[in-house]
């Protein structure tokens, strides 16, 4: 029997601390950094984001999202036999955030690991989980994107600190004889590593280099709009589908202009694009599953819909997943 992987439940978590653009303007003004609501909205479409409180880590956000996803899927922690966490902001150097999450969920024994592909992380994690389910290695998996990007932002740089937020999104992915994930497509090109990075590391008890996020916004934008179109067309071709077969495009929520450009290139109406960037900002690996859960719980995404998920992130990494929900 051919095995497929289907999403059977979704969940999400946003920290209680919500900062509007007005809040960010006030906070940055205290540092002598000027910005405005109009400046942020015009360039990004972002109106608010959530920041985790001190002592709240990626595994904590992930645990909430996973419990929601398991409840929606009707599965128990003991049913889970694989956990993959996509994150660029792990709780610690090691063990993995996935191992810490596993313990917080009361699960033991199954394989767990982190995937680091920045904003493409959830796409990468879903691709790996799909392969492991198809091979028979796993049957019920938790696939999570969880980030606390507020910890690595330079609040003296208005071009980056207003863009990002914290959060987590999760799905339960189960083996099925009915097609779910139809095709995946993932890529990377390390020659672009310098345009979006955190160029610091721990050595001898000290941080060497710069531990805060650096981005060449124009270079990222130019690269992103090209590779997102390419990976969308590639994953559709692999599945023998066209853009007309897509009910919902759920892109990485980085910048409304990038999302609009991708929709335009695929000849998709923005009415078919799930947009949460205005309320969540860029939550990196968490943004796609957060947007998916938001759309499912609002009744936008329904069973039987064909979804195109895609993301692009530092590395540079990019990819897409086409699935029947």
C-alpha atoms as a PDB file:
ATOM      1  CA  UNK A   1       0.000   0.000   0.000  1.00  0.00           C
ATOM      2  CA  UNK A   2       1.269   3.458  -0.901  1.00  0.00           C
ATOM      3  CA  UNK A   3       1.754   5.592   2.177  1.00  0.00           C
ATOM      4  CA  UNK A   4       1.014   9.298   2.220  1.00  0.00           C
ATOM      5  CA  UNK A   5       1.351  11.977   4.906  1.00  0.00           C
ATOM      6  CA  UNK A   6      -1.651  14.122   5.794  1.00  0.00           C
ATOM      7  CA  UNK A   7      -2.055  17.053   8.167  1.00  0.00           C
ATOM      8  CA  UNK A   8      -4.708  16.043  10.693  1.00  0.00           C
ATOM      9  CA  UNK A   9      -4.429  18.908  13.169  1.00  0.00           C
ATOM     10  CA  UNK A  10      -2.996  22.418  13.500  1.00  0.00           C
ATOM     11  CA  UNK A  11      -2.106  24.604  16.464  1.00  0.00           C
ATOM     12  CA  UNK A  12      -0.344  27.841  17.294  1.00  0.00           C
ATOM     13  CA  UNK A  13       0.934  30.043  20.091  1.00  0.00           C
ATOM     14  CA  UNK A  14       1.553  33.778  20.243  1.00  0.00           C
ATOM     15  CA  UNK A  15       3.054  35.295  23.412  1.00  0.00           C
ATOM     16  CA  UNK A  16       0.650  37.570  25.317  1.00  0.00           C
ATOM     17  CA  UNK A  17       2.866  40.646  24.885  1.00  0.00           C
ATOM     18  CA  UNK A  18       1.561  42.302  21.696  1.00  0.00           C
ATOM     19  CA  UNK A  19       3.341  45.393  20.403  1.00  0.00           C
ATOM     20  CA  UNK A  20       1.662  47.607  17.836  1.00  0.00           C
ATOM     21  CA  UNK A  21       3.664  49.843  15.552  1.00  0.00           C
ATOM     22  CA  UNK A  22       2.842  52.730  17.907  1.00  0.00           C
ATOM     23  CA  UNK A  23       4.381  50.740  20.763  1.00  0.00           C
ATOM     24  CA  UNK A  24       7.496  50.132  18.694  1.00  0.00           C
ATOM     25  CA  UNK A  25       7.735  53.819  17.750  1.00  0.00           C
ATOM     26  CA  UNK A  26       7.647  54.779  21.448  1.00  0.00           C
ATOM     27  CA  UNK A  27      10.151  52.091  22.454  1.00  0.00           C
ATOM     28  CA  UNK A  28      12.618  53.028  19.730  1.00  0.00           C
ATOM     29  CA  UNK A  29      12.237  56.755  20.432  1.00  0.00           C
ATOM     30  CA  UNK A  30      13.638  56.110  23.899  1.00  0.00           C
ATOM     31  CA  UNK A  31      16.776  54.832  22.146  1.00  0.00           C
ATOM     32  CA  UNK A  32      16.939  57.812  19.823  1.00  0.00           C
ATOM     33  CA  UNK A  33      15.797  55.742  16.838  1.00  0.00           C
ATOM     34  CA  UNK A  34      13.160  57.342  14.612  1.00  0.00           C
ATOM     35  CA  UNK A  35      10.435  55.431  12.778  1.00  0.00           C
ATOM     36  CA  UNK A  36       6.681  55.671  12.241  1.00  0.00           C
ATOM     37  CA  UNK A  37       3.604  53.548  11.742  1.00  0.00           C
ATOM     38  CA  UNK A  38       3.331  54.817   8.151  1.00  0.00           C
ATOM     39  CA  UNK A  39       6.978  53.947   7.413  1.00  0.00           C
ATOM     40  CA  UNK A  40       6.558  50.390   8.719  1.00  0.00           C
ATOM     41  CA  UNK A  41       3.202  49.684   7.075  1.00  0.00           C
ATOM     42  CA  UNK A  42       4.174  51.119   3.689  1.00  0.00           C
ATOM     43  CA  UNK A  43       7.325  49.001   3.437  1.00  0.00           C
ATOM     44  CA  UNK A  44       6.213  45.788   5.091  1.00  0.00           C
ATOM     45  CA  UNK A  45       2.466  45.640   5.763  1.00  0.00           C
ATOM     46  CA  UNK A  46       3.203  44.931   9.437  1.00  0.00           C
ATOM     47  CA  UNK A  47       1.007  46.557  12.088  1.00  0.00           C
ATOM     48  CA  UNK A  48       1.795  44.453  15.178  1.00  0.00           C
ATOM     49  CA  UNK A  49       3.948  41.632  16.503  1.00  0.00           C
ATOM     50  CA  UNK A  50       4.289  39.556  19.683  1.00  0.00           C
ATOM     51  CA  UNK A  51       7.377  39.362  21.900  1.00  0.00           C
ATOM     52  CA  UNK A  52       8.044  36.567  24.378  1.00  0.00           C
ATOM     53  CA  UNK A  53       8.539  37.474  28.022  1.00  0.00           C
ATOM     54  CA  UNK A  54      11.857  36.897  29.764  1.00  0.00           C
ATOM     55  CA  UNK A  55      12.184  33.209  30.610  1.00  0.00           C
ATOM     56  CA  UNK A  56       9.859  32.114  27.786  1.00  0.00           C
ATOM     57  CA  UNK A  57      11.681  30.022  25.198  1.00  0.00           C
ATOM     58  CA  UNK A  58      11.042  28.434  21.816  1.00  0.00           C
ATOM     59  CA  UNK A  59      10.212  25.089  23.452  1.00  0.00           C
ATOM     60  CA  UNK A  60       7.581  26.751  25.654  1.00  0.00           C
ATOM     61  CA  UNK A  61       5.807  28.319  22.673  1.00  0.00           C
ATOM     62  CA  UNK A  62       6.123  25.062  20.743  1.00  0.00           C
ATOM     63  CA  UNK A  63       4.559  23.060  23.571  1.00  0.00           C
ATOM     64  CA  UNK A  64       1.411  25.189  23.507  1.00  0.00           C
ATOM     65  CA  UNK A  65       1.129  24.955  19.720  1.00  0.00           C
ATOM     66  CA  UNK A  66       1.694  21.177  19.795  1.00  0.00           C
ATOM     67  CA  UNK A  67      -0.997  20.587  22.414  1.00  0.00           C
ATOM     68  CA  UNK A  68      -3.451  22.542  20.268  1.00  0.00           C
ATOM     69  CA  UNK A  69      -2.488  20.546  17.176  1.00  0.00           C
ATOM     70  CA  UNK A  70      -2.791  17.197  18.985  1.00  0.00           C
ATOM     71  CA  UNK A  71      -6.189  18.179  20.377  1.00  0.00           C
ATOM     72  CA  UNK A  72      -7.362  19.143  16.883  1.00  0.00           C
ATOM     73  CA  UNK A  73      -6.082  15.832  15.479  1.00  0.00           C
ATOM     74  CA  UNK A  74      -7.529  13.786  18.337  1.00  0.00           C
ATOM     75  CA  UNK A  75      -4.198  12.180  19.186  1.00  0.00           C
ATOM     76  CA  UNK A  76      -2.463  11.694  22.534  1.00  0.00           C
ATOM     77  CA  UNK A  77       1.187  12.407  23.354  1.00  0.00           C
ATOM     78  CA  UNK A  78       1.790   8.649  23.525  1.00  0.00           C
ATOM     79  CA  UNK A  79       0.700   8.364  19.873  1.00  0.00           C
ATOM     80  CA  UNK A  80       3.504  10.643  18.620  1.00  0.00           C
ATOM     81  CA  UNK A  81       6.541   8.824  17.214  1.00  0.00           C
ATOM     82  CA  UNK A  82       8.504  11.715  15.664  1.00  0.00           C
ATOM     83  CA  UNK A  83       9.096  15.376  16.567  1.00  0.00           C
ATOM     84  CA  UNK A  84      10.832  17.870  14.288  1.00  0.00           C
ATOM     85  CA  UNK A  85      11.287  21.467  15.399  1.00  0.00           C
ATOM     86  CA  UNK A  86      12.258  24.158  12.917  1.00  0.00           C
ATOM     87  CA  UNK A  87      13.959  27.028  14.738  1.00  0.00           C
ATOM     88  CA  UNK A  88      16.819  29.497  14.435  1.00  0.00           C
ATOM     89  CA  UNK A  89      16.422  30.603  18.056  1.00  0.00           C
ATOM     90  CA  UNK A  90      16.864  27.395  20.082  1.00  0.00           C
ATOM     91  CA  UNK A  91      16.610  27.334  23.864  1.00  0.00           C
ATOM     92  CA  UNK A  92      20.305  26.488  24.149  1.00  0.00           C
ATOM     93  CA  UNK A  93      23.275  25.235  22.133  1.00  0.00           C
ATOM     94  CA  UNK A  94      22.275  21.659  22.988  1.00  0.00           C
ATOM     95  CA  UNK A  95      20.289  19.567  23.615  1.00  0.00           C
ATOM     96  CA  UNK A  96      17.924  20.296  20.774  1.00  0.00           C
ATOM     97  CA  UNK A  97      14.786  22.325  21.312  1.00  0.00           C
ATOM     98  CA  UNK A  98      12.945  19.229  20.073  1.00  0.00           C
ATOM     99  CA  UNK A  99      14.326  17.181  22.987  1.00  0.00           C
ATOM    100  CA  UNK A 100      13.241  19.825  25.494  1.00  0.00           C
ATOM    101  CA  UNK A 101       9.826  19.992  23.829  1.00  0.00           C
ATOM    102  CA  UNK A 102       9.495  16.209  23.906  1.00  0.00           C
ATOM    103  CA  UNK A 103       9.960  16.204  27.681  1.00  0.00           C
ATOM    104  CA  UNK A 104       7.512  19.085  28.199  1.00  0.00           C
ATOM    105  CA  UNK A 105       4.878  17.131  26.256  1.00  0.00           C
ATOM    106  CA  UNK A 106       5.415  14.004  28.374  1.00  0.00           C
ATOM    107  CA  UNK A 107       6.727  11.967  25.436  1.00  0.00           C
ATOM    108  CA  UNK A 108       9.735   9.642  25.554  1.00  0.00           C
ATOM    109  CA  UNK A 109      11.572   7.275  23.248  1.00  0.00           C
ATOM    110  CA  UNK A 110      10.727   8.584  19.780  1.00  0.00           C
ATOM    111  CA  UNK A 111      13.296  10.336  17.567  1.00  0.00           C
ATOM    112  CA  UNK A 112      13.412  14.125  17.843  1.00  0.00           C
ATOM    113  CA  UNK A 113      15.622  16.759  16.243  1.00  0.00           C
ATOM    114  CA  UNK A 114      15.830  20.374  15.137  1.00  0.00           C
ATOM    115  CA  UNK A 115      15.987  21.688  11.585  1.00  0.00           C
ATOM    116  CA  UNK A 116      17.777  25.004  10.962  1.00  0.00           C
ATOM    117  CA  UNK A 117      16.803  26.618   7.674  1.00  0.00           C
ATOM    118  CA  UNK A 118      15.664  29.949   9.148  1.00  0.00           C
ATOM    119  CA  UNK A 119      12.421  31.167   7.533  1.00  0.00           C
ATOM    120  CA  UNK A 120      12.254  28.092   5.264  1.00  0.00           C
ATOM    121  CA  UNK A 121      12.589  25.832   8.298  1.00  0.00           C
ATOM    122  CA  UNK A 122       8.984  24.650   8.449  1.00  0.00           C
ATOM    123  CA  UNK A 123       9.060  23.725   4.739  1.00  0.00           C
ATOM    124  CA  UNK A 124      12.263  21.758   5.302  1.00  0.00           C
ATOM    125  CA  UNK A 125      10.854  20.059   8.421  1.00  0.00           C
ATOM    126  CA  UNK A 126       7.613  19.122   6.667  1.00  0.00           C
ATOM    127  CA  UNK A 127       9.604  17.682   3.759  1.00  0.00           C
ATOM    128  CA  UNK A 128      11.701  15.509   6.095  1.00  0.00           C
ATOM    129  CA  UNK A 129       8.681  14.341   8.083  1.00  0.00           C
ATOM    130  CA  UNK A 130       6.837  13.470   4.868  1.00  0.00           C
ATOM    131  CA  UNK A 131       9.772  11.326   3.729  1.00  0.00           C
ATOM    132  CA  UNK A 132      10.012   9.528   7.083  1.00  0.00           C
ATOM    133  CA  UNK A 133       6.287   8.779   7.073  1.00  0.00           C
ATOM    134  CA  UNK A 134       6.368   7.556   3.478  1.00  0.00           C
ATOM    135  CA  UNK A 135       9.266   5.233   4.367  1.00  0.00           C
ATOM    136  CA  UNK A 136       7.384   3.746   7.312  1.00  0.00           C
ATOM    137  CA  UNK A 137       9.836   5.115   9.889  1.00  0.00           C
ATOM    138  CA  UNK A 138       7.139   7.290  11.488  1.00  0.00           C
ATOM    139  CA  UNK A 139       3.351   7.197  11.653  1.00  0.00           C
ATOM    140  CA  UNK A 140       2.282  10.261  13.653  1.00  0.00           C
ATOM    141  CA  UNK A 141       4.635  13.237  13.706  1.00  0.00           C
ATOM    142  CA  UNK A 142       4.664  16.665  15.283  1.00  0.00           C
ATOM    143  CA  UNK A 143       6.184  19.240  12.932  1.00  0.00           C
ATOM    144  CA  UNK A 144       6.738  22.596  14.582  1.00  0.00           C
ATOM    145  CA  UNK A 145       8.111  26.027  13.753  1.00  0.00           C
ATOM    146  CA  UNK A 146       8.970  28.044  16.854  1.00  0.00           C
ATOM    147  CA  UNK A 147      10.939  31.271  17.201  1.00  0.00           C
ATOM    148  CA  UNK A 148      11.890  33.967  19.707  1.00  0.00           C
ATOM    149  CA  UNK A 149      13.483  36.367  17.237  1.00  0.00           C
ATOM    150  CA  UNK A 150      13.068  39.274  19.661  1.00  0.00           C
ATOM    151  CA  UNK A 151      16.208  37.929  21.409  1.00  0.00           C
ATOM    152  CA  UNK A 152      18.431  38.521  18.374  1.00  0.00           C
ATOM    153  CA  UNK A 153      17.159  41.900  17.162  1.00  0.00           C
ATOM    154  CA  UNK A 154      19.235  45.079  17.072  1.00  0.00           C
ATOM    155  CA  UNK A 155      16.865  47.734  18.417  1.00  0.00           C
ATOM    156  CA  UNK A 156      19.163  50.451  17.098  1.00  0.00           C
ATOM    157  CA  UNK A 157      18.457  49.309  13.530  1.00  0.00           C
ATOM    158  CA  UNK A 158      14.970  50.388  12.491  1.00  0.00           C
ATOM    159  CA  UNK A 159      15.252  48.539   9.173  1.00  0.00           C
ATOM    160  CA  UNK A 160      15.222  45.133  10.904  1.00  0.00           C
ATOM    161  CA  UNK A 161      13.888  45.376  14.463  1.00  0.00           C
ATOM    162  CA  UNK A 162      10.368  46.347  13.372  1.00  0.00           C
ATOM    163  CA  UNK A 163      10.054  43.325  11.083  1.00  0.00           C
ATOM    164  CA  UNK A 164      10.179  40.333  13.394  1.00  0.00           C
ATOM    165  CA  UNK A 165       8.063  38.732  16.103  1.00  0.00           C
ATOM    166  CA  UNK A 166       7.862  35.606  18.239  1.00  0.00           C
ATOM    167  CA  UNK A 167       5.489  32.655  17.996  1.00  0.00           C
ATOM    168  CA  UNK A 168       5.015  28.990  17.219  1.00  0.00           C
ATOM    169  CA  UNK A 169       2.900  26.929  14.860  1.00  0.00           C
ATOM    170  CA  UNK A 170       2.535  23.159  14.736  1.00  0.00           C
ATOM    171  CA  UNK A 171       0.878  20.404  12.745  1.00  0.00           C
ATOM    172  CA  UNK A 172       0.234  16.739  13.337  1.00  0.00           C
ATOM    173  CA  UNK A 173       1.279  14.810  10.243  1.00  0.00           C
ATOM    174  CA  UNK A 174      -0.108  11.259  10.010  1.00  0.00           C
ATOM    175  CA  UNK A 175       0.350   8.300   7.713  1.00  0.00           C
ATOM    176  CA  UNK A 176      -2.636   7.746   5.427  1.00  0.00           C
ATOM    177  CA  UNK A 177      -3.678   5.785   2.363  1.00  0.00           C
ATOM    178  CA  UNK A 178      -5.203   9.012   1.033  1.00  0.00           C
ATOM    179  CA  UNK A 179      -2.914  11.625  -0.560  1.00  0.00           C
ATOM    180  CA  UNK A 180      -2.054  14.613   1.617  1.00  0.00           C
ATOM    181  CA  UNK A 181       1.354  16.051   0.786  1.00  0.00           C
ATOM    182  CA  UNK A 182       1.495  15.911  -3.005  1.00  0.00           C
ATOM    183  CA  UNK A 183       5.013  17.224  -3.644  1.00  0.00           C
ATOM    184  CA  UNK A 184       7.882  19.068  -1.979  1.00  0.00           C
ATOM    185  CA  UNK A 185      10.724  21.201  -3.330  1.00  0.00           C
ATOM    186  CA  UNK A 186      13.654  22.515  -1.251  1.00  0.00           C
ATOM    187  CA  UNK A 187      16.883  24.344  -2.150  1.00  0.00           C
ATOM    188  CA  UNK A 188      19.775  26.333  -0.714  1.00  0.00           C
ATOM    189  CA  UNK A 189      22.680  28.465  -1.928  1.00  0.00           C
ATOM    190  CA  UNK A 190      25.268  29.373   0.688  1.00  0.00           C
ATOM    191  CA  UNK A 191      26.914  32.042  -1.437  1.00  0.00           C
ATOM    192  CA  UNK A 192      24.136  34.403  -0.289  1.00  0.00           C
ATOM    193  CA  UNK A 193      24.766  33.777   3.422  1.00  0.00           C
ATOM    194  CA  UNK A 194      25.960  37.319   4.084  1.00  0.00           C
ATOM    195  CA  UNK A 195      22.746  39.137   3.127  1.00  0.00           C
ATOM    196  CA  UNK A 196      20.764  37.727   6.066  1.00  0.00           C
ATOM    197  CA  UNK A 197      22.609  36.350   9.060  1.00  0.00           C
ATOM    198  CA  UNK A 198      23.504  36.503  12.748  1.00  0.00           C
ATOM    199  CA  UNK A 199      27.308  36.427  12.485  1.00  0.00           C
ATOM    200  CA  UNK A 200      28.186  35.561  16.068  1.00  0.00           C
ATOM    201  CA  UNK A 201      29.122  32.390  17.929  1.00  0.00           C
ATOM    202  CA  UNK A 202      29.984  31.173  21.400  1.00  0.00           C
ATOM    203  CA  UNK A 203      33.620  30.390  22.120  1.00  0.00           C
ATOM    204  CA  UNK A 204      35.405  29.985  25.427  1.00  0.00           C
ATOM    205  CA  UNK A 205      32.470  31.344  27.380  1.00  0.00           C
ATOM    206  CA  UNK A 206      32.202  34.523  25.299  1.00  0.00           C
ATOM    207  CA  UNK A 207      30.267  35.654  22.241  1.00  0.00           C
ATOM    208  CA  UNK A 208      32.562  36.260  19.298  1.00  0.00           C
ATOM    209  CA  UNK A 209      31.313  38.329  16.390  1.00  0.00           C
ATOM    210  CA  UNK A 210      27.918  40.021  16.371  1.00  0.00           C
ATOM    211  CA  UNK A 211      25.016  38.089  17.983  1.00  0.00           C
ATOM    212  CA  UNK A 212      22.326  40.304  16.414  1.00  0.00           C
ATOM    213  CA  UNK A 213      20.491  39.965  13.110  1.00  0.00           C
ATOM    214  CA  UNK A 214      21.948  41.660  10.036  1.00  0.00           C
ATOM    215  CA  UNK A 215      20.094  42.029   6.746  1.00  0.00           C
ATOM    216  CA  UNK A 216      20.580  43.628   3.361  1.00  0.00           C
ATOM    217  CA  UNK A 217      16.890  44.260   2.745  1.00  0.00           C
ATOM    218  CA  UNK A 218      17.095  45.102  -0.958  1.00  0.00           C
ATOM    219  CA  UNK A 219      19.215  42.055  -1.755  1.00  0.00           C
ATOM    220  CA  UNK A 220      16.897  39.768   0.224  1.00  0.00           C
ATOM    221  CA  UNK A 221      13.823  41.178  -1.521  1.00  0.00           C
ATOM    222  CA  UNK A 222      15.313  40.769  -4.989  1.00  0.00           C
ATOM    223  CA  UNK A 223      16.391  37.184  -4.350  1.00  0.00           C
ATOM    224  CA  UNK A 224      13.183  36.205  -2.559  1.00  0.00           C
ATOM    225  CA  UNK A 225      10.737  37.210  -5.293  1.00  0.00           C
ATOM    226  CA  UNK A 226      12.667  35.182  -7.857  1.00  0.00           C
ATOM    227  CA  UNK A 227      13.170  31.945  -5.950  1.00  0.00           C
ATOM    228  CA  UNK A 228       9.630  31.920  -4.537  1.00  0.00           C
ATOM    229  CA  UNK A 229       8.181  31.938  -8.044  1.00  0.00           C
ATOM    230  CA  UNK A 230      10.630  29.241  -9.137  1.00  0.00           C
ATOM    231  CA  UNK A 231       9.923  26.879  -6.234  1.00  0.00           C
ATOM    232  CA  UNK A 232       6.162  27.377  -6.532  1.00  0.00           C
ATOM    233  CA  UNK A 233       6.238  26.416 -10.200  1.00  0.00           C
ATOM    234  CA  UNK A 234       8.579  23.503  -9.492  1.00  0.00           C
ATOM    235  CA  UNK A 235       6.396  21.942  -6.803  1.00  0.00           C
ATOM    236  CA  UNK A 236       3.286  22.366  -8.954  1.00  0.00           C
ATOM    237  CA  UNK A 237       5.030  20.655 -11.862  1.00  0.00           C
ATOM    238  CA  UNK A 238       6.141  17.764  -9.644  1.00  0.00           C
ATOM    239  CA  UNK A 239       2.525  17.191  -8.632  1.00  0.00           C
ATOM    240  CA  UNK A 240       1.176  17.601 -12.170  1.00  0.00           C
ATOM    241  CA  UNK A 241      -0.808  20.659 -11.095  1.00  0.00           C
ATOM    242  CA  UNK A 242      -1.072  24.303 -12.121  1.00  0.00           C
ATOM    243  CA  UNK A 243      -1.627  27.474 -10.127  1.00  0.00           C
ATOM    244  CA  UNK A 244      -5.298  27.269 -11.069  1.00  0.00           C
ATOM    245  CA  UNK A 245      -5.555  24.128  -8.896  1.00  0.00           C
ATOM    246  CA  UNK A 246      -4.455  26.050  -5.787  1.00  0.00           C
ATOM    247  CA  UNK A 247      -7.205  27.053  -3.372  1.00  0.00           C
ATOM    248  CA  UNK A 248      -4.894  28.876  -0.952  1.00  0.00           C
ATOM    249  CA  UNK A 249      -1.354  30.195  -1.123  1.00  0.00           C
ATOM    250  CA  UNK A 250       0.148  30.255   2.385  1.00  0.00           C
ATOM    251  CA  UNK A 251       3.528  31.954   2.051  1.00  0.00           C
ATOM    252  CA  UNK A 252       6.159  32.806   4.614  1.00  0.00           C
ATOM    253  CA  UNK A 253       4.906  36.007   6.214  1.00  0.00           C
ATOM    254  CA  UNK A 254       7.920  38.261   5.705  1.00  0.00           C
ATOM    255  CA  UNK A 255       6.724  41.265   3.757  1.00  0.00           C
ATOM    256  CA  UNK A 256       3.398  41.989   2.088  1.00  0.00           C
ATOM    257  CA  UNK A 257       5.188  43.243  -1.042  1.00  0.00           C
ATOM    258  CA  UNK A 258       6.972  39.909  -1.515  1.00  0.00           C
ATOM    259  CA  UNK A 259       3.674  38.064  -1.011  1.00  0.00           C
ATOM    260  CA  UNK A 260       1.878  40.293  -3.509  1.00  0.00           C
ATOM    261  CA  UNK A 261       4.667  39.821  -6.039  1.00  0.00           C
ATOM    262  CA  UNK A 262       4.518  36.034  -5.737  1.00  0.00           C
ATOM    263  CA  UNK A 263       0.731  35.997  -6.127  1.00  0.00           C
ATOM    264  CA  UNK A 264       0.979  38.264  -9.164  1.00  0.00           C
ATOM    265  CA  UNK A 265       3.608  36.072 -10.843  1.00  0.00           C
ATOM    266  CA  UNK A 266       1.422  32.986 -10.278  1.00  0.00           C
ATOM    267  CA  UNK A 267      -1.671  34.899 -11.442  1.00  0.00           C
ATOM    268  CA  UNK A 268      -3.375  34.274  -8.114  1.00  0.00           C
ATOM    269  CA  UNK A 269      -5.755  36.810  -6.590  1.00  0.00           C
ATOM    270  CA  UNK A 270      -4.741  38.141  -3.178  1.00  0.00           C
ATOM    271  CA  UNK A 271      -8.142  36.826  -2.074  1.00  0.00           C
ATOM    272  CA  UNK A 272      -6.535  33.371  -2.273  1.00  0.00           C
ATOM    273  CA  UNK A 273      -3.503  34.330  -0.165  1.00  0.00           C
ATOM    274  CA  UNK A 274      -3.512  33.823   3.607  1.00  0.00           C
ATOM    275  CA  UNK A 275      -2.088  36.982   5.174  1.00  0.00           C
ATOM    276  CA  UNK A 276      -1.126  37.305   8.845  1.00  0.00           C
ATOM    277  CA  UNK A 277       2.029  39.418   8.508  1.00  0.00           C
ATOM    278  CA  UNK A 278       0.034  42.494   9.514  1.00  0.00           C
ATOM    279  CA  UNK A 279      -0.664  41.058  12.980  1.00  0.00           C
ATOM    280  CA  UNK A 280       2.296  38.729  13.604  1.00  0.00           C
ATOM    281  CA  UNK A 281       5.208  40.291  11.742  1.00  0.00           C
ATOM    282  CA  UNK A 282       7.874  37.933  10.449  1.00  0.00           C
ATOM    283  CA  UNK A 283       8.032  34.956  12.830  1.00  0.00           C
ATOM    284  CA  UNK A 284      10.551  33.102  10.665  1.00  0.00           C
ATOM    285  CA  UNK A 285      10.029  29.304  10.784  1.00  0.00           C
ATOM    286  CA  UNK A 286       6.793  29.788  12.730  1.00  0.00           C
ATOM    287  CA  UNK A 287       5.123  32.026  10.162  1.00  0.00           C
ATOM    288  CA  UNK A 288       3.734  29.407   7.762  1.00  0.00           C
ATOM    289  CA  UNK A 289       2.212  27.083  10.397  1.00  0.00           C
ATOM    290  CA  UNK A 290       0.896  30.128  12.294  1.00  0.00           C
ATOM    291  CA  UNK A 291      -0.806  31.369   9.134  1.00  0.00           C
ATOM    292  CA  UNK A 292      -2.137  27.878   8.389  1.00  0.00           C
ATOM    293  CA  UNK A 293      -3.635  27.460  11.850  1.00  0.00           C
ATOM    294  CA  UNK A 294      -5.119  30.964  11.688  1.00  0.00           C
ATOM    295  CA  UNK A 295      -6.794  30.170   8.358  1.00  0.00           C
ATOM    296  CA  UNK A 296      -8.060  26.772   9.535  1.00  0.00           C
ATOM    297  CA  UNK A 297      -9.599  28.132  12.728  1.00  0.00           C
ATOM    298  CA  UNK A 298     -11.226  31.038  10.870  1.00  0.00           C
ATOM    299  CA  UNK A 299     -12.807  28.610   8.423  1.00  0.00           C
ATOM    300  CA  UNK A 300     -10.881  29.938   5.411  1.00  0.00           C
ATOM    301  CA  UNK A 301      -9.013  26.688   4.803  1.00  0.00           C
ATOM    302  CA  UNK A 302     -11.324  23.678   4.655  1.00  0.00           C
ATOM    303  CA  UNK A 303     -10.824  19.936   4.267  1.00  0.00           C
ATOM    304  CA  UNK A 304     -10.179  19.071   0.648  1.00  0.00           C
ATOM    305  CA  UNK A 305      -8.561  22.412  -0.201  1.00  0.00           C
ATOM    306  CA  UNK A 306      -5.282  22.361  -2.111  1.00  0.00           C
ATOM    307  CA  UNK A 307      -2.651  24.457  -0.336  1.00  0.00           C
ATOM    308  CA  UNK A 308       0.646  25.819  -1.626  1.00  0.00           C
ATOM    309  CA  UNK A 309       3.058  26.573   1.226  1.00  0.00           C
ATOM    310  CA  UNK A 310       6.348  28.324   0.447  1.00  0.00           C
ATOM    311  CA  UNK A 311       9.152  30.106   2.213  1.00  0.00           C
ATOM    312  CA  UNK A 312      12.549  31.711   1.785  1.00  0.00           C
ATOM    313  CA  UNK A 313      15.141  32.403   4.462  1.00  0.00           C
ATOM    314  CA  UNK A 314      18.732  33.035   5.421  1.00  0.00           C
ATOM    315  CA  UNK A 315      21.269  30.598   4.128  1.00  0.00           C
ATOM    316  CA  UNK A 316      19.962  31.290   1.556  1.00  0.00           C
ATOM    317  CA  UNK A 317      17.250  28.616   1.693  1.00  0.00           C
ATOM    318  CA  UNK A 318      13.908  28.289  -0.059  1.00  0.00           C
ATOM    319  CA  UNK A 319      11.241  25.718  -0.796  1.00  0.00           C
ATOM    320  CA  UNK A 320       7.594  24.811  -1.201  1.00  0.00           C
ATOM    321  CA  UNK A 321       5.097  22.107  -0.270  1.00  0.00           C
ATOM    322  CA  UNK A 322       1.892  21.349  -2.171  1.00  0.00           C
ATOM    323  CA  UNK A 323      -0.743  19.430  -0.236  1.00  0.00           C
ATOM    324  CA  UNK A 324      -4.389  18.482  -0.071  1.00  0.00           C
ATOM    325  CA  UNK A 325      -5.673  19.470   3.343  1.00  0.00           C
END
